[in-house]
């Protein structure tokens, strides 16, 4: 039961990490405009993401513009796109593979490769978390480095966006979930984990000892052991035979009377 709980915990950590990776990949809150120095006007907020740039105005208007070119983008942005997309794909694959290999599911029940499948799912979660951690850390370092540049105008400085925090947390959750799943597959190296136990019944897999069950012998009546009971049986049998012979005697008497009635007193019929 402890291994099953460990696998469930790792799976849910990886699932939350996958959802966070989706959010960090799609939303444009990777960098937000910094209101420092002479740039204290908060009526307009600029945001940058992997796929678009957005502007939010205090009147409630929200406008976004996607990047119209692919080859014209910077190298770090293209690499961040590719890594986040691959991380999302690996997270989906890890969820599917882990569902098959977990001990609480009936998929591949009885197979010795069930624990190995759970280990593969954990490895995919680890790889997905690592792939999402690289662009998030890279972008965070770039934003911080640009913010503290002395010759950079205040209007061009950005702060760390919410998606970077979400991406960092999701990558750590994915790596933690993958580590738990990978650790759970190493609990039993002889491959006996594929045998599913049906609780609350115990698992009788070892050699059984000799049986101490007594054979059943039906009780029989012996006349030598109980003479009184034998006498009663004989008396009961004699009464039964007497009652069985009485109908035969009555039938004989009735036949004789019928024959006598057919003759006259003179001896002629």
Protein backbone atom coordinates (compact mmCIF):
# COMPACT_ATOMS: atom_id res chain seq x y z
CA UNK A 1 0.00 0.00 0.00
CA UNK A 2 2.89 2.40 0.65
CA UNK A 3 4.19 1.90 -2.89
CA UNK A 4 0.75 2.60 -4.36
CA UNK A 5 0.46 5.80 -2.31
CA UNK A 6 3.94 6.86 -3.46
CA UNK A 7 2.97 6.29 -7.08
CA UNK A 8 -0.26 8.24 -6.73
CA UNK A 9 1.56 11.14 -5.12
CA UNK A 10 4.15 11.19 -7.89
CA UNK A 11 1.46 10.96 -10.57
CA UNK A 12 -0.53 13.90 -9.19
CA UNK A 13 2.63 15.98 -8.82
CA UNK A 14 3.44 15.28 -12.46
CA UNK A 15 -0.15 16.05 -13.49
CA UNK A 16 -0.07 19.45 -11.77
CA UNK A 17 3.31 20.09 -13.34
CA UNK A 18 1.89 19.31 -16.79
CA UNK A 19 -1.00 21.76 -16.28
CA UNK A 20 1.43 24.45 -15.13
CA UNK A 21 3.59 23.84 -18.19
CA UNK A 22 0.56 24.33 -20.45
CA UNK A 23 -0.28 27.62 -18.72
CA UNK A 24 3.28 28.92 -18.87
CA UNK A 25 3.59 27.99 -22.53
CA UNK A 26 0.39 29.62 -23.76
CA UNK A 27 0.00 32.80 -21.70
CA UNK A 28 1.98 35.97 -22.53
CA UNK A 29 3.04 36.86 -18.97
CA UNK A 30 6.74 36.02 -19.24
CA UNK A 31 7.85 39.63 -18.82
CA UNK A 32 5.85 42.69 -17.76
CA UNK A 33 6.80 46.34 -18.05
CA UNK A 34 8.58 47.82 -15.01
CA UNK A 35 7.32 51.10 -13.59
CA UNK A 36 10.57 52.54 -12.25
CA UNK A 37 12.28 55.93 -12.52
CA UNK A 38 10.51 58.36 -14.83
CA UNK A 39 8.34 55.53 -16.20
CA UNK A 40 5.70 55.74 -13.47
CA UNK A 41 2.70 55.80 -15.78
CA UNK A 42 0.64 52.72 -14.91
CA UNK A 43 -2.14 53.37 -17.42
CA UNK A 44 -0.49 51.02 -19.92
CA UNK A 45 1.09 47.67 -19.08
CA UNK A 46 3.12 45.79 -21.68
CA UNK A 47 3.57 42.02 -21.56
CA UNK A 48 5.68 39.60 -23.55
CA UNK A 49 5.33 35.87 -24.05
CA UNK A 50 6.52 33.09 -26.29
CA UNK A 51 3.89 33.62 -28.97
CA UNK A 52 2.64 37.21 -28.66
CA UNK A 53 3.01 40.66 -27.13
CA UNK A 54 0.07 42.21 -25.32
CA UNK A 55 -0.85 45.67 -24.05
CA UNK A 56 -3.33 46.27 -21.24
CA UNK A 57 -4.81 49.73 -20.76
CA UNK A 58 -6.45 51.11 -17.66
CA UNK A 59 -9.70 51.57 -19.59
CA UNK A 60 -10.02 47.77 -19.80
CA UNK A 61 -8.82 47.32 -23.35
CA UNK A 62 -6.58 44.30 -23.88
CA UNK A 63 -4.79 44.01 -27.21
CA UNK A 64 -2.43 41.25 -28.33
CA UNK A 65 -0.31 40.84 -31.42
CA UNK A 66 1.29 37.55 -32.37
CA UNK A 67 4.76 37.33 -33.80
CA UNK A 68 4.34 37.41 -37.56
CA UNK A 69 7.70 35.88 -38.34
CA UNK A 70 9.43 32.71 -37.19
CA UNK A 71 12.92 33.04 -38.57
CA UNK A 72 13.14 36.68 -37.53
CA UNK A 73 12.84 35.82 -33.84
CA UNK A 74 15.83 35.66 -31.55
CA UNK A 75 17.56 32.35 -30.99
CA UNK A 76 16.72 32.16 -27.31
CA UNK A 77 13.01 32.69 -28.03
CA UNK A 78 12.97 29.96 -30.67
CA UNK A 79 14.76 27.57 -28.33
CA UNK A 80 12.36 28.42 -25.50
CA UNK A 81 9.40 27.69 -27.77
CA UNK A 82 10.77 24.34 -28.85
CA UNK A 83 11.68 23.26 -25.31
CA UNK A 84 8.30 24.18 -23.83
CA UNK A 85 6.40 22.41 -26.60
CA UNK A 86 8.54 19.27 -26.25
CA UNK A 87 8.12 19.42 -22.47
CA UNK A 88 4.34 19.54 -22.87
CA UNK A 89 4.42 16.54 -25.22
CA UNK A 90 6.60 14.55 -22.82
CA UNK A 91 4.28 15.41 -19.93
CA UNK A 92 1.26 14.03 -21.80
CA UNK A 93 3.17 10.88 -22.69
CA UNK A 94 4.34 10.51 -19.08
CA UNK A 95 0.75 10.71 -17.81
CA UNK A 96 -0.38 8.02 -20.24
CA UNK A 97 2.53 5.67 -19.52
CA UNK A 98 2.34 6.16 -15.75
CA UNK A 99 -1.36 5.33 -15.76
CA UNK A 100 -0.58 1.96 -17.34
CA UNK A 101 2.31 1.17 -15.00
CA UNK A 102 0.89 2.22 -11.63
CA UNK A 103 0.02 -0.47 -9.13
CA UNK A 104 -3.50 0.86 -8.54
CA UNK A 105 -4.58 0.24 -12.16
CA UNK A 106 -5.57 -3.03 -13.84
CA UNK A 107 -3.59 -2.41 -17.02
CA UNK A 108 -0.90 -5.09 -17.55
CA UNK A 109 -2.09 -6.81 -14.39
CA UNK A 110 0.04 -9.88 -13.67
CA UNK A 111 2.91 -8.79 -15.91
CA UNK A 112 6.44 -8.45 -14.53
CA UNK A 113 7.04 -5.37 -16.72
CA UNK A 114 4.42 -3.28 -14.91
CA UNK A 115 6.98 -1.70 -12.58
CA UNK A 116 9.27 -0.93 -15.52
CA UNK A 117 6.46 0.94 -17.27
CA UNK A 118 5.95 3.07 -14.17
CA UNK A 119 9.68 3.81 -14.17
CA UNK A 120 9.50 4.89 -17.82
CA UNK A 121 6.65 7.27 -16.97
CA UNK A 122 8.69 8.74 -14.13
CA UNK A 123 11.66 9.24 -16.45
CA UNK A 124 9.45 11.09 -18.92
CA UNK A 125 8.23 13.37 -16.13
CA UNK A 126 11.84 14.06 -15.14
CA UNK A 127 12.77 14.89 -18.72
CA UNK A 128 9.71 17.13 -19.16
CA UNK A 129 10.50 19.05 -15.99
CA UNK A 130 14.12 19.51 -17.03
CA UNK A 131 13.12 20.77 -20.49
CA UNK A 132 10.72 23.33 -19.04
CA UNK A 133 13.18 24.44 -16.36
CA UNK A 134 15.87 25.44 -18.88
CA UNK A 135 13.92 28.14 -20.81
CA UNK A 136 12.26 29.45 -17.65
CA UNK A 137 15.61 29.90 -15.91
CA UNK A 138 17.13 31.32 -19.06
CA UNK A 139 14.39 33.94 -19.48
CA UNK A 140 14.48 34.83 -15.79
CA UNK A 141 18.21 35.45 -15.97
CA UNK A 142 17.76 37.59 -19.08
CA UNK A 143 15.04 39.75 -17.52
CA UNK A 144 17.05 40.29 -14.33
CA UNK A 145 20.24 41.08 -16.25
CA UNK A 146 18.44 43.55 -18.52
CA UNK A 147 16.75 45.25 -15.58
CA UNK A 148 20.05 46.08 -13.87
CA UNK A 149 21.78 47.41 -16.96
CA UNK A 150 22.81 51.03 -16.41
CA UNK A 151 22.50 52.21 -19.99
CA UNK A 152 19.03 50.67 -20.52
CA UNK A 153 16.16 53.17 -20.65
CA UNK A 154 13.52 52.75 -17.96
CA UNK A 155 10.78 52.39 -20.56
CA UNK A 156 12.46 49.25 -21.92
CA UNK A 157 12.98 47.50 -18.60
CA UNK A 158 10.80 44.52 -17.73
CA UNK A 159 10.13 42.56 -14.58
CA UNK A 160 9.64 38.84 -14.04
CA UNK A 161 6.18 37.82 -15.20
CA UNK A 162 3.75 35.43 -13.56
CA UNK A 163 4.33 32.73 -16.15
CA UNK A 164 7.96 32.43 -15.11
CA UNK A 165 6.90 31.66 -11.53
CA UNK A 166 4.30 29.19 -12.77
CA UNK A 167 6.82 27.58 -15.11
CA UNK A 168 9.40 27.25 -12.35
CA UNK A 169 6.90 25.65 -9.96
CA UNK A 170 5.52 23.31 -12.63
CA UNK A 171 9.00 22.14 -13.65
CA UNK A 172 9.87 21.35 -10.05
CA UNK A 173 6.60 19.50 -9.55
CA UNK A 174 7.18 17.45 -12.70
CA UNK A 175 10.68 16.52 -11.61
CA UNK A 176 9.48 15.64 -8.10
CA UNK A 177 6.66 13.48 -9.46
CA UNK A 178 9.03 11.76 -11.86
CA UNK A 179 11.46 11.06 -9.05
CA UNK A 180 8.74 9.47 -6.91
CA UNK A 181 7.55 7.28 -9.76
CA UNK A 182 11.09 6.23 -10.63
CA UNK A 183 11.82 5.41 -6.99
CA UNK A 184 8.64 3.33 -6.66
CA UNK A 185 9.64 1.04 -9.53
CA UNK A 186 12.81 -0.02 -7.68
CA UNK A 187 11.01 -1.44 -4.64
CA UNK A 188 10.88 -4.99 -5.98
CA UNK A 189 13.65 -6.21 -8.27
CA UNK A 190 12.47 -9.82 -8.63
CA UNK A 191 9.42 -8.81 -10.67
CA UNK A 192 6.81 -9.99 -8.20
CA UNK A 193 5.08 -6.63 -8.28
CA UNK A 194 3.13 -7.66 -11.32
CA UNK A 195 1.06 -10.07 -9.21
CA UNK A 196 -1.96 -8.22 -7.97
CA UNK A 197 -3.14 -8.95 -4.45
CA UNK A 198 -6.83 -9.04 -3.79
CA UNK A 199 -7.30 -7.60 -0.34
CA UNK A 200 -8.41 -8.36 2.35
CA UNK A 201 -7.45 -11.93 1.52
CA UNK A 202 -3.83 -12.85 2.33
CA UNK A 203 -1.38 -13.82 -0.36
CA UNK A 204 -0.58 -17.54 0.08
CA UNK A 205 2.43 -17.87 -2.16
CA UNK A 206 4.72 -19.91 0.10
CA UNK A 207 4.69 -23.68 0.67
CA UNK A 208 1.85 -24.90 2.79
CA UNK A 209 2.30 -27.21 5.73
CA UNK A 210 0.65 -30.61 6.17
CA UNK A 211 -3.08 -30.55 6.59
CA UNK A 212 -4.48 -31.59 9.97
CA UNK A 213 -8.04 -32.14 8.86
CA UNK A 214 -9.75 -35.28 10.23
CA UNK A 215 -11.60 -37.44 7.69
CA UNK A 216 -15.33 -37.71 8.15
CA UNK A 217 -16.76 -41.15 9.01
CA UNK A 218 -20.54 -41.55 9.13
CA UNK A 219 -21.91 -42.96 12.35
CA UNK A 220 -23.09 -46.58 12.20
CA UNK A 221 -25.09 -48.64 14.71
CA UNK A 222 -23.43 -51.73 16.10
CA UNK A 223 -25.47 -54.24 18.01
CA UNK A 224 -22.47 -55.40 19.98
CA UNK A 225 -21.75 -52.00 21.48
CA UNK A 226 -25.32 -51.28 22.63
CA UNK A 227 -27.37 -54.41 23.37
CA UNK A 228 -30.43 -52.47 24.52
CA UNK A 229 -30.57 -50.61 21.22
CA UNK A 230 -30.26 -53.94 19.36
CA UNK A 231 -33.19 -55.44 21.30
CA UNK A 232 -35.31 -52.44 20.50
CA UNK A 233 -34.49 -52.78 16.83
CA UNK A 234 -35.43 -56.48 16.85
CA UNK A 235 -38.74 -55.73 18.59
CA UNK A 236 -39.46 -52.98 16.05
CA UNK A 237 -38.72 -55.38 13.18
CA UNK A 238 -40.99 -58.10 14.62
CA UNK A 239 -43.90 -55.65 14.96
CA UNK A 240 -43.32 -54.49 11.44
CA UNK A 241 -43.35 -58.05 10.06
CA UNK A 242 -46.52 -58.84 12.06
CA UNK A 243 -48.34 -55.84 10.67
CA UNK A 244 -47.17 -56.70 7.17
CA UNK A 245 -48.55 -60.31 7.37
CA UNK A 246 -51.98 -59.28 8.70
CA UNK A 247 -53.31 -57.95 5.40
CA UNK A 248 -52.34 -61.21 3.67
CA UNK A 249 -54.32 -63.28 6.22
CA UNK A 250 -57.37 -61.04 5.88
CA UNK A 251 -57.30 -61.45 2.10
CA UNK A 252 -57.21 -65.26 2.45
CA UNK A 253 -60.20 -65.26 4.82
CA UNK A 254 -62.26 -63.11 2.48
CA UNK A 255 -61.47 -65.44 -0.44
CA UNK A 256 -62.64 -68.50 1.56
CA UNK A 257 -65.92 -66.81 2.51
CA UNK A 258 -66.63 -65.93 -1.09
CA UNK A 259 -66.03 -69.54 -2.17
CA UNK A 260 -68.33 -70.91 0.55
CA UNK A 261 -71.09 -68.54 -0.42
CA UNK A 262 -71.11 -69.97 -3.97
CA UNK A 263 -72.24 -73.44 -2.77
CA UNK A 264 -75.71 -74.47 -1.57
CA UNK A 265 -76.41 -76.45 1.58
CA UNK A 266 -77.10 -79.42 -0.61
CA UNK A 267 -73.63 -79.26 -2.16
CA UNK A 268 -74.78 -78.06 -5.63
CA UNK A 269 -73.99 -74.71 -7.02
